[in-house]
Amino acid sequence: MSDLMVEVSELSRRFGNTVALDKVNFRASKGLVYGLVGANGAGKTTLIKHLMGLLRAESGSVRLFGMDPVHKPVEVLKRIGYLSEERDLPDWMSIDELMRYTQAYHPSWDSAFAK
């Protein structure tokens, strides 16, 4: 197995006329600690949302453990942890989608209880 855990290649993202990410390349290897540092509006949160599969890449690619977090959310999310300082959810996410998303973090998820 490769020591490469995160690979972001040529990732770009715009919100209207605002460029949030411009051909970002980033690699993170197993056993190391990384920090995202930058001014407000630099794209740190946008990058994290791509890593979590909350945003789809407009161009470029995102891979965690060799998988696309948008297409393999359960497999990716059960292997990572993330705590946001904000309690925000994407506007497009319905309660059912939130439940499926959250389920990936909990191997013993009880769907009947959650409903």
Protein backbone atom coordinates (compact mmCIF):
# COMPACT_ATOMS: atom_id res chain seq x y z
CA MET A 1 0.00 0.00 0.00
CA SER A 2 1.21 3.50 -0.83
CA ASP A 3 2.06 6.00 1.89
CA LEU A 4 0.19 8.65 -0.14
CA MET A 5 -3.11 9.35 1.65
CA VAL A 6 -4.27 12.57 -0.07
CA GLU A 7 -3.68 13.67 -3.62
CA VAL A 8 -5.11 16.87 -5.05
CA SER A 9 -4.19 17.54 -8.69
CA GLU A 10 -4.84 20.78 -10.58
CA LEU A 11 -7.97 21.47 -8.50
CA SER A 12 -9.80 24.66 -9.46
CA ARG A 13 -13.02 26.10 -8.09
CA ARG A 14 -14.93 29.30 -8.79
CA PHE A 15 -17.91 30.85 -7.07
CA GLY A 16 -19.30 33.24 -9.65
CA ASN A 17 -16.45 35.58 -10.56
CA THR A 18 -14.44 34.64 -7.47
CA VAL A 19 -11.61 32.14 -7.92
CA ALA A 20 -11.44 30.10 -4.71
CA LEU A 21 -8.91 27.50 -5.87
CA ASP A 22 -6.61 27.90 -8.86
CA LYS A 23 -4.93 24.68 -10.03
CA VAL A 24 -4.07 23.53 -6.50
CA ASN A 25 -1.71 20.58 -6.15
CA PHE A 26 -1.28 18.93 -2.75
CA ARG A 27 -0.07 15.57 -1.48
CA ALA A 28 -0.16 14.22 2.06
CA SER A 29 1.61 11.08 3.14
CA LYS A 30 0.83 8.63 5.92
CA GLY A 31 2.33 9.38 9.33
CA LEU A 32 2.77 13.13 8.89
CA VAL A 33 0.80 16.11 10.18
CA TYR A 34 -0.20 18.95 7.85
CA GLY A 35 -1.74 22.35 8.42
CA LEU A 36 -3.54 24.68 6.04
CA VAL A 37 -2.43 28.24 6.64
CA GLY A 38 -3.64 31.32 4.82
CA ALA A 39 -5.61 34.52 5.03
CA ASN A 40 -9.40 34.57 5.12
CA GLY A 41 -10.66 33.83 1.62
CA ALA A 42 -7.52 31.94 0.60
CA GLY A 43 -9.49 28.74 -0.14
CA LYS A 44 -8.69 26.61 2.94
CA THR A 45 -12.32 25.74 3.69
CA THR A 46 -13.09 25.20 0.02
CA LEU A 47 -10.22 22.71 -0.19
CA ILE A 48 -11.43 20.88 2.93
CA LYS A 49 -14.97 20.69 1.51
CA HIS A 50 -13.54 19.05 -1.61
CA LEU A 51 -11.60 16.57 0.54
CA MET A 52 -14.80 15.73 2.44
CA GLY A 53 -16.74 15.23 -0.80
CA LEU A 54 -19.06 18.14 -0.04
CA LEU A 55 -18.02 19.91 -3.25
CA ARG A 56 -17.37 18.28 -6.61
CA ALA A 57 -14.23 19.26 -8.48
CA GLU A 58 -15.02 21.60 -11.37
CA SER A 59 -11.63 20.78 -12.82
CA GLY A 60 -8.77 18.70 -11.52
CA SER A 61 -9.13 15.80 -9.13
CA VAL A 62 -9.24 14.88 -5.45
CA ARG A 63 -8.28 11.46 -4.09
CA LEU A 64 -8.16 10.20 -0.53
CA PHE A 65 -6.78 6.68 -0.05
CA GLY A 66 -6.89 6.45 -3.85
CA MET A 67 -10.65 7.15 -3.97
CA ASP A 68 -12.78 10.09 -5.07
CA PRO A 69 -14.64 11.26 -1.92
CA VAL A 70 -17.67 12.32 -4.01
CA HIS A 71 -18.10 8.88 -5.56
CA LYS A 72 -16.98 6.78 -2.56
CA PRO A 73 -18.10 8.82 0.46
CA VAL A 74 -18.67 5.91 2.84
CA GLU A 75 -15.29 4.35 2.13
CA VAL A 76 -13.49 7.69 2.54
CA LEU A 77 -15.42 9.22 5.44
CA LYS A 78 -15.15 6.18 7.68
CA ARG A 79 -11.36 6.65 7.60
CA ILE A 80 -11.11 10.36 8.41
CA GLY A 81 -12.22 12.83 11.04
CA TYR A 82 -13.18 16.46 10.66
CA LEU A 83 -14.56 19.01 13.10
CA SER A 84 -15.62 22.36 11.69
CA GLU A 85 -15.73 25.47 13.81
CA GLU A 86 -18.95 26.32 11.98
CA ARG A 87 -22.19 24.35 12.04
CA ASP A 88 -22.92 24.71 8.37
CA LEU A 89 -24.43 22.29 5.89
CA PRO A 90 -24.49 22.64 2.13
CA ASP A 91 -27.68 24.31 0.91
CA TRP A 92 -28.31 21.40 -1.46
CA MET A 93 -28.21 18.74 1.29
CA SER A 94 -31.58 17.30 2.30
CA ILE A 95 -32.18 15.55 5.63
CA ASP A 96 -31.97 12.15 3.87
CA GLU A 97 -28.64 13.13 2.30
CA LEU A 98 -27.37 14.38 5.67
CA MET A 99 -28.32 11.06 7.25
CA ARG A 100 -26.51 9.06 4.54
CA TYR A 101 -23.48 11.35 4.86
CA THR A 102 -23.41 11.07 8.66
CA GLN A 103 -23.86 7.31 8.52
CA ALA A 104 -20.40 6.99 6.96
CA TYR A 105 -18.86 8.14 10.26
CA HIS A 106 -20.66 5.55 12.37
CA PRO A 107 -20.08 1.85 11.58
CA SER A 108 -22.91 0.78 13.92
CA TRP A 109 -25.44 3.28 12.52
CA ASP A 110 -29.04 2.35 13.30
CA SER A 111 -31.10 3.48 10.30
CA ALA A 112 -34.43 2.65 11.93
CA PHE A 113 -33.57 4.69 15.02
CA ALA A 114 -32.31 7.60 12.89
CA LYS A 115 -35.56 7.71 10.88
